[in-house]
N, C-alpha and C. Protein backbone atom coordinates (compact mmCIF):
# COMPACT_ATOMS: atom_id res chain seq x y z
N MET A 1 133.70 -17.17 53.49
CA MET A 1 133.20 -18.30 54.16
C MET A 1 132.86 -19.37 53.13
N ILE A 2 133.14 -20.59 53.48
CA ILE A 2 133.00 -21.72 52.60
C ILE A 2 131.97 -22.65 53.19
N LYS A 3 131.05 -23.06 52.34
CA LYS A 3 130.02 -23.99 52.78
C LYS A 3 130.31 -25.33 52.14
N ILE A 4 130.18 -26.32 52.94
CA ILE A 4 130.40 -27.66 52.44
C ILE A 4 129.15 -28.45 52.74
N ASN A 5 128.73 -29.16 51.76
CA ASN A 5 127.54 -29.97 51.89
C ASN A 5 127.98 -31.40 52.12
N LEU A 6 127.65 -31.93 53.25
CA LEU A 6 128.09 -33.26 53.61
C LEU A 6 127.00 -34.30 53.35
N ALA A 7 125.90 -33.87 52.91
CA ALA A 7 124.81 -34.80 52.67
C ALA A 7 125.10 -35.60 51.42
N LYS A 8 124.85 -36.90 51.52
CA LYS A 8 125.13 -37.77 50.42
C LYS A 8 124.04 -37.64 49.34
N ASP A 9 122.88 -37.45 49.76
CA ASP A 9 121.77 -37.33 48.79
C ASP A 9 121.64 -35.86 48.40
N MET A 10 121.66 -35.59 47.15
CA MET A 10 121.63 -34.22 46.66
C MET A 10 120.27 -33.60 46.87
N SER A 11 119.25 -34.39 46.96
CA SER A 11 117.92 -33.85 47.17
C SER A 11 117.78 -33.30 48.56
N LEU A 12 118.62 -33.80 49.48
CA LEU A 12 118.57 -33.32 50.84
C LEU A 12 119.47 -32.11 51.03
N ALA A 13 120.23 -31.86 50.06
CA ALA A 13 121.18 -30.78 50.16
C ALA A 13 120.47 -29.45 50.18
N VAL A 14 121.05 -28.47 50.75
CA VAL A 14 120.48 -27.13 50.84
C VAL A 14 120.65 -26.50 49.45
N PRO A 15 119.59 -26.00 48.95
CA PRO A 15 119.70 -25.43 47.61
C PRO A 15 120.53 -24.16 47.64
N ASN A 16 121.32 -24.04 46.64
CA ASN A 16 122.10 -22.82 46.54
C ASN A 16 121.63 -22.06 45.31
N GLU A 17 122.21 -20.98 45.04
CA GLU A 17 121.78 -20.11 43.95
C GLU A 17 121.99 -20.78 42.60
N THR A 18 123.01 -21.54 42.42
CA THR A 18 123.30 -22.20 41.16
C THR A 18 122.24 -23.24 40.86
N ASN A 19 121.91 -24.02 41.90
CA ASN A 19 120.88 -25.05 41.72
C ASN A 19 119.54 -24.40 41.40
N MET A 20 119.28 -23.32 42.02
CA MET A 20 118.01 -22.64 41.80
C MET A 20 117.94 -22.07 40.38
N VAL A 21 119.03 -21.54 39.90
CA VAL A 21 119.08 -21.00 38.56
C VAL A 21 118.90 -22.12 37.54
N MET A 22 119.53 -23.29 37.81
CA MET A 22 119.42 -24.42 36.90
C MET A 22 117.98 -24.94 36.87
N GLU A 23 117.37 -25.04 38.03
CA GLU A 23 115.99 -25.53 38.08
C GLU A 23 115.06 -24.52 37.40
N ALA A 24 115.31 -23.24 37.57
CA ALA A 24 114.48 -22.21 36.94
C ALA A 24 114.63 -22.28 35.43
N SER A 25 115.86 -22.50 34.95
CA SER A 25 116.05 -22.57 33.51
C SER A 25 115.42 -23.83 32.95
N GLU A 26 115.44 -24.93 33.69
CA GLU A 26 114.79 -26.16 33.24
C GLU A 26 113.27 -25.95 33.18
N ASN A 27 112.73 -25.28 34.19
CA ASN A 27 111.28 -24.99 34.21
C ASN A 27 110.92 -24.06 33.03
N ASN A 28 111.77 -23.09 32.78
CA ASN A 28 111.52 -22.18 31.65
C ASN A 28 111.58 -22.93 30.33
N ASN A 29 112.52 -23.85 30.20
CA ASN A 29 112.62 -24.64 28.97
C ASN A 29 111.37 -25.48 28.79
N LYS A 30 110.89 -26.07 29.87
CA LYS A 30 109.67 -26.88 29.78
C LYS A 30 108.47 -26.00 29.37
N GLU A 31 108.36 -24.84 29.96
CA GLU A 31 107.26 -23.93 29.62
C GLU A 31 107.36 -23.47 28.17
N VAL A 32 108.57 -23.17 27.74
CA VAL A 32 108.77 -22.74 26.36
C VAL A 32 108.40 -23.87 25.41
N ILE A 33 108.83 -25.10 25.76
CA ILE A 33 108.51 -26.25 24.91
C ILE A 33 107.00 -26.46 24.87
N ILE A 34 106.32 -26.31 26.00
CA ILE A 34 104.86 -26.48 26.05
C ILE A 34 104.18 -25.39 25.23
N LYS A 35 104.64 -24.16 25.37
CA LYS A 35 104.05 -23.05 24.63
C LYS A 35 104.27 -23.22 23.13
N VAL A 36 105.48 -23.58 22.73
CA VAL A 36 105.78 -23.78 21.32
C VAL A 36 104.96 -24.94 20.78
N GLY A 37 104.86 -26.00 21.56
CA GLY A 37 104.07 -27.17 21.14
C GLY A 37 102.60 -26.80 20.99
N THR A 38 102.08 -26.01 21.92
CA THR A 38 100.69 -25.57 21.86
C THR A 38 100.47 -24.71 20.62
N MET A 39 101.35 -23.78 20.39
CA MET A 39 101.21 -22.90 19.22
C MET A 39 101.31 -23.70 17.92
N PHE A 40 102.26 -24.64 17.89
CA PHE A 40 102.44 -25.47 16.70
C PHE A 40 101.20 -26.33 16.45
N SER A 41 100.64 -26.87 17.52
CA SER A 41 99.43 -27.70 17.35
C SER A 41 98.24 -26.83 16.92
N LEU A 42 98.14 -25.58 17.41
CA LEU A 42 97.08 -24.67 16.98
C LEU A 42 97.23 -24.33 15.50
N VAL A 43 98.48 -24.12 15.05
CA VAL A 43 98.73 -23.83 13.66
C VAL A 43 98.32 -25.03 12.80
N ILE A 44 98.66 -26.23 13.24
CA ILE A 44 98.30 -27.45 12.49
C ILE A 44 96.78 -27.60 12.44
N ILE A 45 96.12 -27.37 13.58
CA ILE A 45 94.65 -27.48 13.62
C ILE A 45 94.03 -26.43 12.69
N LEU A 46 94.54 -25.21 12.71
CA LEU A 46 94.05 -24.15 11.84
C LEU A 46 94.27 -24.51 10.37
N PHE A 47 95.43 -25.07 10.05
CA PHE A 47 95.73 -25.48 8.68
C PHE A 47 94.76 -26.57 8.22
N ILE A 48 94.52 -27.53 9.07
CA ILE A 48 93.58 -28.63 8.74
C ILE A 48 92.17 -28.07 8.54
N TYR A 49 91.75 -27.18 9.44
CA TYR A 49 90.41 -26.58 9.33
C TYR A 49 90.27 -25.80 8.02
N GLU A 50 91.29 -25.00 7.69
CA GLU A 50 91.22 -24.22 6.46
C GLU A 50 91.19 -25.12 5.23
N ASN A 51 91.97 -26.19 5.24
CA ASN A 51 91.94 -27.12 4.10
C ASN A 51 90.56 -27.75 3.95
N MET A 52 89.98 -28.14 5.05
CA MET A 52 88.63 -28.74 4.99
C MET A 52 87.62 -27.69 4.54
N SER A 53 87.73 -26.48 5.05
CA SER A 53 86.81 -25.41 4.70
C SER A 53 86.97 -25.02 3.23
N VAL A 54 88.20 -24.89 2.77
CA VAL A 54 88.45 -24.51 1.38
C VAL A 54 87.95 -25.61 0.44
N SER A 55 88.19 -26.85 0.80
CA SER A 55 87.73 -27.93 -0.09
C SER A 55 86.20 -27.98 -0.13
N SER A 56 85.53 -27.71 0.99
CA SER A 56 84.06 -27.69 0.96
C SER A 56 83.56 -26.49 0.15
N LYS A 57 84.25 -25.37 0.24
CA LYS A 57 83.87 -24.20 -0.55
C LYS A 57 84.12 -24.46 -2.04
N LYS A 58 85.20 -25.17 -2.36
CA LYS A 58 85.45 -25.52 -3.76
C LYS A 58 84.33 -26.43 -4.28
N ASP A 59 83.91 -27.37 -3.43
CA ASP A 59 82.80 -28.25 -3.84
C ASP A 59 81.53 -27.44 -4.08
N GLU A 60 81.25 -26.48 -3.19
CA GLU A 60 80.08 -25.61 -3.37
C GLU A 60 80.20 -24.80 -4.66
N LEU A 61 81.40 -24.30 -4.94
CA LEU A 61 81.63 -23.52 -6.16
C LEU A 61 81.40 -24.38 -7.40
N LYS A 62 81.87 -25.62 -7.37
CA LYS A 62 81.63 -26.53 -8.49
C LYS A 62 80.13 -26.76 -8.69
N GLN A 63 79.43 -26.96 -7.59
CA GLN A 63 77.98 -27.19 -7.67
C GLN A 63 77.27 -25.96 -8.24
N ILE A 64 77.65 -24.78 -7.79
CA ILE A 64 77.03 -23.55 -8.29
C ILE A 64 77.35 -23.35 -9.77
N ASN A 65 78.57 -23.66 -10.18
CA ASN A 65 78.94 -23.54 -11.59
C ASN A 65 78.13 -24.51 -12.45
N LYS A 66 77.88 -25.73 -11.93
CA LYS A 66 77.04 -26.69 -12.66
C LYS A 66 75.63 -26.14 -12.81
N GLU A 67 75.07 -25.58 -11.73
CA GLU A 67 73.72 -25.00 -11.78
C GLU A 67 73.68 -23.83 -12.76
N LEU A 68 74.73 -23.02 -12.76
CA LEU A 68 74.80 -21.89 -13.68
C LEU A 68 74.83 -22.37 -15.13
N ALA A 69 75.59 -23.40 -15.39
CA ALA A 69 75.65 -23.95 -16.75
C ALA A 69 74.28 -24.48 -17.17
N THR A 70 73.59 -25.15 -16.25
CA THR A 70 72.25 -25.66 -16.55
C THR A 70 71.29 -24.51 -16.85
N LEU A 71 71.35 -23.46 -16.05
CA LEU A 71 70.48 -22.29 -16.27
C LEU A 71 70.81 -21.61 -17.59
N ASN A 72 72.09 -21.51 -17.94
CA ASN A 72 72.46 -20.91 -19.22
C ASN A 72 71.92 -21.72 -20.39
N GLN A 73 71.93 -23.05 -20.25
CA GLN A 73 71.35 -23.90 -21.30
C GLN A 73 69.86 -23.64 -21.43
N LYS A 74 69.17 -23.53 -20.29
CA LYS A 74 67.73 -23.26 -20.32
C LYS A 74 67.45 -21.90 -20.94
N ILE A 75 68.29 -20.91 -20.60
CA ILE A 75 68.10 -19.56 -21.16
C ILE A 75 68.29 -19.59 -22.66
N SER A 76 69.28 -20.35 -23.13
CA SER A 76 69.50 -20.42 -24.58
C SER A 76 68.31 -21.08 -25.27
N LYS A 77 67.68 -22.05 -24.60
CA LYS A 77 66.47 -22.66 -25.16
C LYS A 77 65.33 -21.66 -25.21
N PHE A 78 65.26 -20.79 -24.19
CA PHE A 78 64.19 -19.79 -24.14
C PHE A 78 64.46 -18.62 -25.06
N GLY A 79 65.64 -18.53 -25.63
CA GLY A 79 65.94 -17.45 -26.56
C GLY A 79 64.96 -17.43 -27.71
N LYS A 80 64.65 -18.60 -28.25
CA LYS A 80 63.68 -18.69 -29.33
C LYS A 80 62.28 -18.33 -28.82
N VAL A 81 62.00 -18.75 -27.61
CA VAL A 81 60.68 -18.46 -27.03
C VAL A 81 60.54 -16.97 -26.79
N SER A 82 61.62 -16.30 -26.38
CA SER A 82 61.53 -14.86 -26.11
C SER A 82 61.21 -14.08 -27.39
N GLU A 83 61.72 -14.55 -28.54
CA GLU A 83 61.38 -13.90 -29.80
C GLU A 83 59.88 -14.03 -30.07
N VAL A 84 59.34 -15.20 -29.78
CA VAL A 84 57.90 -15.42 -29.97
C VAL A 84 57.11 -14.53 -29.03
N VAL A 85 57.59 -14.41 -27.80
CA VAL A 85 56.91 -13.56 -26.81
C VAL A 85 56.93 -12.11 -27.28
N GLN A 86 58.05 -11.66 -27.84
CA GLN A 86 58.13 -10.29 -28.34
C GLN A 86 57.15 -10.07 -29.49
N LYS A 87 57.06 -11.05 -30.39
CA LYS A 87 56.11 -10.93 -31.51
C LYS A 87 54.68 -10.89 -30.99
N VAL A 88 54.38 -11.76 -30.01
CA VAL A 88 53.02 -11.78 -29.45
C VAL A 88 52.72 -10.47 -28.75
N THR A 89 53.71 -9.92 -28.03
CA THR A 89 53.51 -8.66 -27.33
C THR A 89 53.25 -7.52 -28.32
N SER A 90 54.01 -7.49 -29.42
CA SER A 90 53.78 -6.42 -30.40
C SER A 90 52.41 -6.59 -31.06
N LYS A 91 52.01 -7.82 -31.34
CA LYS A 91 50.69 -8.08 -31.93
C LYS A 91 49.60 -7.67 -30.93
N LYS A 92 49.83 -7.94 -29.65
CA LYS A 92 48.87 -7.56 -28.62
C LYS A 92 48.68 -6.05 -28.59
N LYS A 93 49.80 -5.30 -28.67
CA LYS A 93 49.71 -3.83 -28.67
C LYS A 93 48.95 -3.34 -29.90
N GLU A 94 49.20 -3.98 -31.03
CA GLU A 94 48.50 -3.61 -32.26
C GLU A 94 47.00 -3.84 -32.11
N ILE A 95 46.63 -4.99 -31.55
CA ILE A 95 45.21 -5.31 -31.37
C ILE A 95 44.58 -4.36 -30.35
N GLU A 96 45.32 -4.02 -29.29
CA GLU A 96 44.79 -3.08 -28.31
C GLU A 96 44.53 -1.71 -28.95
N GLY A 97 45.41 -1.29 -29.87
CA GLY A 97 45.21 -0.04 -30.59
C GLY A 97 43.96 -0.10 -31.46
N GLN A 98 43.76 -1.24 -32.12
CA GLN A 98 42.57 -1.40 -32.95
C GLN A 98 41.30 -1.40 -32.09
N ILE A 99 41.37 -2.03 -30.94
CA ILE A 99 40.21 -2.05 -30.03
C ILE A 99 39.89 -0.63 -29.56
N GLU A 100 40.93 0.15 -29.29
CA GLU A 100 40.71 1.55 -28.87
C GLU A 100 40.03 2.34 -29.99
N GLN A 101 40.47 2.12 -31.23
CA GLN A 101 39.83 2.79 -32.37
C GLN A 101 38.37 2.39 -32.49
N ILE A 102 38.09 1.12 -32.31
CA ILE A 102 36.70 0.65 -32.37
C ILE A 102 35.88 1.27 -31.25
N ARG A 103 36.48 1.38 -30.08
CA ARG A 103 35.77 1.99 -28.95
C ARG A 103 35.43 3.44 -29.25
N LEU A 104 36.42 4.17 -29.82
CA LEU A 104 36.18 5.57 -30.16
C LEU A 104 35.10 5.70 -31.24
N LEU A 105 35.15 4.82 -32.24
CA LEU A 105 34.12 4.85 -33.29
C LEU A 105 32.75 4.54 -32.71
N SER A 106 32.68 3.56 -31.83
CA SER A 106 31.41 3.20 -31.20
C SER A 106 30.86 4.37 -30.39
N GLN A 107 31.76 5.05 -29.70
CA GLN A 107 31.35 6.20 -28.90
C GLN A 107 30.83 7.31 -29.82
N ALA A 108 31.53 7.53 -30.94
CA ALA A 108 31.09 8.56 -31.89
C ALA A 108 29.73 8.19 -32.49
N ARG A 109 29.56 6.92 -32.83
CA ARG A 109 28.27 6.49 -33.39
C ARG A 109 27.15 6.62 -32.37
N LEU A 110 27.45 6.33 -31.12
CA LEU A 110 26.44 6.47 -30.08
C LEU A 110 26.05 7.94 -29.94
N THR A 111 27.03 8.84 -30.03
CA THR A 111 26.73 10.28 -29.98
C THR A 111 25.85 10.67 -31.16
N GLN A 112 26.20 10.17 -32.34
CA GLN A 112 25.40 10.48 -33.54
C GLN A 112 23.96 9.98 -33.39
N LEU A 113 23.81 8.78 -32.84
CA LEU A 113 22.46 8.24 -32.64
C LEU A 113 21.67 9.08 -31.63
N LYS A 114 22.34 9.51 -30.59
CA LYS A 114 21.65 10.33 -29.59
C LYS A 114 21.24 11.68 -30.19
N VAL A 115 22.10 12.25 -31.04
CA VAL A 115 21.77 13.52 -31.69
C VAL A 115 20.55 13.33 -32.58
N LEU A 116 20.55 12.27 -33.39
CA LEU A 116 19.40 12.02 -34.29
C LEU A 116 18.12 11.79 -33.49
N ASP A 117 18.22 11.06 -32.41
CA ASP A 117 17.04 10.79 -31.58
C ASP A 117 16.50 12.09 -30.98
N ALA A 118 17.41 12.93 -30.47
CA ALA A 118 16.97 14.19 -29.87
C ALA A 118 16.35 15.10 -30.93
N LEU A 119 16.96 15.16 -32.11
CA LEU A 119 16.44 16.02 -33.18
C LEU A 119 15.05 15.57 -33.64
N GLN A 120 14.86 14.29 -33.83
CA GLN A 120 13.56 13.82 -34.31
C GLN A 120 12.46 14.08 -33.30
N SER A 121 12.81 14.07 -32.01
CA SER A 121 11.78 14.35 -31.01
C SER A 121 11.47 15.85 -30.92
N LEU A 122 12.43 16.72 -31.34
CA LEU A 122 12.24 18.17 -31.27
C LEU A 122 11.66 18.77 -32.56
N MET A 123 11.69 18.04 -33.64
CA MET A 123 11.31 18.56 -34.96
C MET A 123 9.80 18.87 -35.00
N PRO A 124 9.44 20.12 -35.34
CA PRO A 124 8.02 20.48 -35.44
C PRO A 124 7.38 19.84 -36.69
N ASP A 125 6.06 19.84 -36.71
CA ASP A 125 5.33 19.30 -37.86
C ASP A 125 5.64 20.12 -39.10
N LYS A 126 5.66 19.44 -40.22
CA LYS A 126 5.88 20.03 -41.53
C LYS A 126 7.25 20.70 -41.65
N THR A 127 8.23 20.17 -40.89
CA THR A 127 9.61 20.64 -40.94
C THR A 127 10.50 19.40 -41.04
N TRP A 128 11.47 19.45 -41.89
CA TRP A 128 12.36 18.30 -42.05
C TRP A 128 13.78 18.78 -42.33
N LEU A 129 14.73 17.84 -42.18
CA LEU A 129 16.15 18.14 -42.37
C LEU A 129 16.63 17.53 -43.67
N LYS A 130 17.39 18.31 -44.42
CA LYS A 130 18.00 17.82 -45.65
C LYS A 130 19.43 17.35 -45.38
N GLY A 131 20.08 17.99 -44.40
CA GLY A 131 21.46 17.62 -44.09
C GLY A 131 21.81 17.90 -42.64
N ILE A 132 22.65 17.05 -42.10
CA ILE A 132 23.16 17.21 -40.73
C ILE A 132 24.67 17.04 -40.80
N VAL A 133 25.41 18.01 -40.27
CA VAL A 133 26.87 17.92 -40.23
C VAL A 133 27.29 17.99 -38.77
N LEU A 134 27.97 16.96 -38.30
CA LEU A 134 28.44 16.90 -36.92
C LEU A 134 29.96 16.77 -36.94
N GLU A 135 30.65 17.78 -36.44
CA GLU A 135 32.10 17.78 -36.35
C GLU A 135 32.48 18.05 -34.91
N GLY A 136 32.88 17.02 -34.20
CA GLY A 136 33.17 17.16 -32.77
C GLY A 136 31.89 17.49 -32.04
N THR A 137 31.84 18.69 -31.45
CA THR A 137 30.61 19.12 -30.75
C THR A 137 29.85 20.17 -31.55
N ASP A 138 30.33 20.52 -32.75
CA ASP A 138 29.65 21.51 -33.61
C ASP A 138 28.65 20.80 -34.51
N LEU A 139 27.41 21.29 -34.49
CA LEU A 139 26.33 20.68 -35.26
C LEU A 139 25.73 21.73 -36.19
N THR A 140 25.58 21.36 -37.46
CA THR A 140 24.93 22.23 -38.45
C THR A 140 23.73 21.50 -39.00
N LEU A 141 22.56 22.17 -38.95
CA LEU A 141 21.30 21.60 -39.45
C LEU A 141 20.86 22.39 -40.68
N ILE A 142 20.62 21.70 -41.77
CA ILE A 142 20.12 22.32 -43.00
C ILE A 142 18.79 21.63 -43.32
N GLY A 143 17.74 22.45 -43.46
CA GLY A 143 16.44 21.84 -43.70
C GLY A 143 15.42 22.80 -44.26
N TYR A 144 14.17 22.31 -44.29
CA TYR A 144 13.05 23.06 -44.87
C TYR A 144 11.84 22.96 -43.96
N SER A 145 10.97 23.96 -44.12
CA SER A 145 9.70 23.96 -43.41
C SER A 145 8.62 24.41 -44.40
N LEU A 146 7.42 23.81 -44.29
CA LEU A 146 6.32 24.18 -45.19
C LEU A 146 5.67 25.49 -44.76
N ASN A 147 5.69 25.78 -43.48
CA ASN A 147 5.06 27.01 -43.02
C ASN A 147 6.08 27.91 -42.32
N SER A 148 5.71 29.13 -42.08
CA SER A 148 6.64 30.11 -41.49
C SER A 148 6.85 29.87 -40.00
N ASP A 149 6.01 29.09 -39.32
CA ASP A 149 6.17 28.83 -37.88
C ASP A 149 7.18 27.70 -37.59
N GLY A 150 7.53 26.91 -38.57
CA GLY A 150 8.40 25.75 -38.36
C GLY A 150 9.79 26.11 -37.85
N ILE A 151 10.39 27.13 -38.43
CA ILE A 151 11.77 27.50 -38.05
C ILE A 151 11.81 28.08 -36.63
N PRO A 152 10.93 29.04 -36.25
CA PRO A 152 10.98 29.54 -34.87
C PRO A 152 10.66 28.46 -33.84
N LEU A 153 9.76 27.53 -34.17
CA LEU A 153 9.45 26.43 -33.24
C LEU A 153 10.66 25.52 -33.05
N LEU A 154 11.36 25.25 -34.13
CA LEU A 154 12.57 24.41 -34.03
C LEU A 154 13.64 25.12 -33.19
N ILE A 155 13.83 26.42 -33.41
CA ILE A 155 14.84 27.17 -32.64
C ILE A 155 14.49 27.16 -31.16
N ARG A 156 13.22 27.38 -30.83
CA ARG A 156 12.77 27.37 -29.43
C ARG A 156 12.99 25.99 -28.82
N ALA A 157 12.65 24.92 -29.54
CA ALA A 157 12.82 23.55 -29.03
C ALA A 157 14.30 23.24 -28.79
N LEU A 158 15.14 23.65 -29.72
CA LEU A 158 16.59 23.44 -29.54
C LEU A 158 17.12 24.21 -28.33
N ASP A 159 16.64 25.43 -28.17
CA ASP A 159 17.09 26.28 -27.07
C ASP A 159 16.66 25.71 -25.71
N GLU A 160 15.49 25.12 -25.64
CA GLU A 160 14.99 24.58 -24.38
C GLU A 160 15.57 23.20 -24.07
N SER A 161 16.16 22.56 -25.04
CA SER A 161 16.71 21.22 -24.85
C SER A 161 18.05 21.27 -24.10
N VAL A 162 18.28 20.27 -23.27
CA VAL A 162 19.56 20.17 -22.55
C VAL A 162 20.65 19.59 -23.46
N PHE A 163 20.24 19.09 -24.62
CA PHE A 163 21.20 18.45 -25.52
C PHE A 163 21.92 19.44 -26.43
N PHE A 164 21.38 20.65 -26.57
CA PHE A 164 21.95 21.62 -27.51
C PHE A 164 22.12 22.97 -26.82
N LYS A 165 23.15 23.72 -27.26
CA LYS A 165 23.40 25.05 -26.69
C LYS A 165 24.00 25.93 -27.78
N GLU A 166 24.03 27.23 -27.53
CA GLU A 166 24.59 28.24 -28.45
C GLU A 166 23.95 28.13 -29.84
N ILE A 167 22.63 28.17 -29.88
CA ILE A 167 21.90 28.05 -31.14
C ILE A 167 22.04 29.37 -31.92
N ASP A 168 22.34 29.25 -33.24
CA ASP A 168 22.55 30.42 -34.10
C ASP A 168 21.94 30.11 -35.47
N VAL A 169 21.08 31.01 -35.93
CA VAL A 169 20.47 30.85 -37.25
C VAL A 169 21.39 31.52 -38.26
N LYS A 170 21.95 30.75 -39.16
CA LYS A 170 22.85 31.28 -40.18
C LYS A 170 22.06 31.86 -41.36
N THR A 171 21.07 31.09 -41.84
CA THR A 171 20.21 31.59 -42.94
C THR A 171 18.79 31.11 -42.72
N ALA A 172 17.86 31.93 -43.13
CA ALA A 172 16.44 31.57 -43.15
C ALA A 172 15.83 32.35 -44.31
N ALA A 173 15.46 31.61 -45.35
CA ALA A 173 14.94 32.29 -46.55
C ALA A 173 13.95 31.37 -47.26
N GLN A 174 13.13 31.99 -48.07
CA GLN A 174 12.17 31.20 -48.87
C GLN A 174 12.85 30.76 -50.14
N GLU A 175 12.52 29.55 -50.53
CA GLU A 175 13.09 28.98 -51.75
C GLU A 175 11.96 28.42 -52.59
N LYS A 176 11.95 28.76 -53.88
CA LYS A 176 10.91 28.28 -54.78
C LYS A 176 11.46 27.10 -55.57
N THR A 177 10.69 26.03 -55.61
CA THR A 177 11.04 24.85 -56.39
C THR A 177 9.85 24.47 -57.26
N ALA A 178 10.01 23.42 -58.04
CA ALA A 178 8.92 22.93 -58.90
C ALA A 178 7.77 22.40 -58.05
N ASP A 179 8.05 21.99 -56.84
CA ASP A 179 7.01 21.46 -55.96
C ASP A 179 6.32 22.54 -55.14
N GLY A 180 6.84 23.71 -55.10
CA GLY A 180 6.23 24.78 -54.34
C GLY A 180 7.27 25.66 -53.67
N THR A 181 6.79 26.51 -52.74
CA THR A 181 7.67 27.42 -52.01
C THR A 181 7.89 26.85 -50.61
N PHE A 182 9.15 26.83 -50.21
CA PHE A 182 9.53 26.28 -48.89
C PHE A 182 10.39 27.31 -48.16
N ASN A 183 10.40 27.19 -46.85
CA ASN A 183 11.28 28.02 -46.02
C ASN A 183 12.55 27.21 -45.73
N LYS A 184 13.65 27.66 -46.30
CA LYS A 184 14.92 26.96 -46.11
C LYS A 184 15.65 27.60 -44.93
N PHE A 185 16.36 26.73 -44.14
CA PHE A 185 17.10 27.26 -42.99
C PHE A 185 18.43 26.53 -42.84
N GLU A 186 19.35 27.23 -42.19
CA GLU A 186 20.62 26.63 -41.75
C GLU A 186 20.86 27.12 -40.33
N ILE A 187 20.93 26.19 -39.40
CA ILE A 187 21.09 26.50 -37.97
C ILE A 187 22.36 25.80 -37.48
N THR A 188 23.17 26.52 -36.72
CA THR A 188 24.36 25.92 -36.09
C THR A 188 24.17 25.94 -34.58
N CYS A 189 24.74 24.96 -33.92
CA CYS A 189 24.71 24.89 -32.45
C CYS A 189 25.81 23.99 -31.96
N LYS A 190 25.92 23.89 -30.68
CA LYS A 190 26.90 22.98 -30.07
C LYS A 190 26.15 21.95 -29.25
N LEU A 191 26.77 20.79 -29.15
CA LEU A 191 26.16 19.73 -28.35
C LEU A 191 26.33 20.05 -26.88
N GLY A 192 25.29 19.76 -26.11
CA GLY A 192 25.34 19.97 -24.67
C GLY A 192 26.03 18.79 -23.99
N GLY A 193 26.17 18.88 -22.70
CA GLY A 193 26.88 17.84 -21.96
C GLY A 193 26.09 16.57 -21.78
N GLN A 194 24.81 16.56 -22.07
CA GLN A 194 23.98 15.38 -21.84
C GLN A 194 24.14 14.32 -22.92
N ILE A 195 24.67 14.68 -24.07
CA ILE A 195 24.79 13.69 -25.15
C ILE A 195 26.14 13.01 -25.04
């Protein structure tokens, strides 16, 4: 069967399969062109954005490098100052060590003064000390008494005192000199916790 289109205007003509295929391909071409154009414009926009972003990042990098150079210059200036600081720090440690030694000596002298004060208050009449040796907490007393009661009274006083403990008589004997006869003694003890 043959169809003939007698209409003069093609727009009024009944569409056939060929016309429909042509219109579909034209529509597809338009869509493809729009899609390609859209993708191409997105690529161009992305390229422009990256160029702007990269150039701003390069500017930031230049600025940071300038700041780094400035800081390096300041550090090099402080190099001399750091040597001075190290010298001052070592001198400070040396002085702190000397202060600690002075503190220890002061503490030792205070202990010695307390021992002497305690001994003079405990010493019986007519009894005196010729020598005192203090090594750490060990105390040795060497002395004389005019009468025989002086040594036992001193031992009892030391024993009752909170400042002395572990009292031990090493020697107690009479000694004759040009001035007379004396009772010589040597007593050892340890310092108590109160001194």
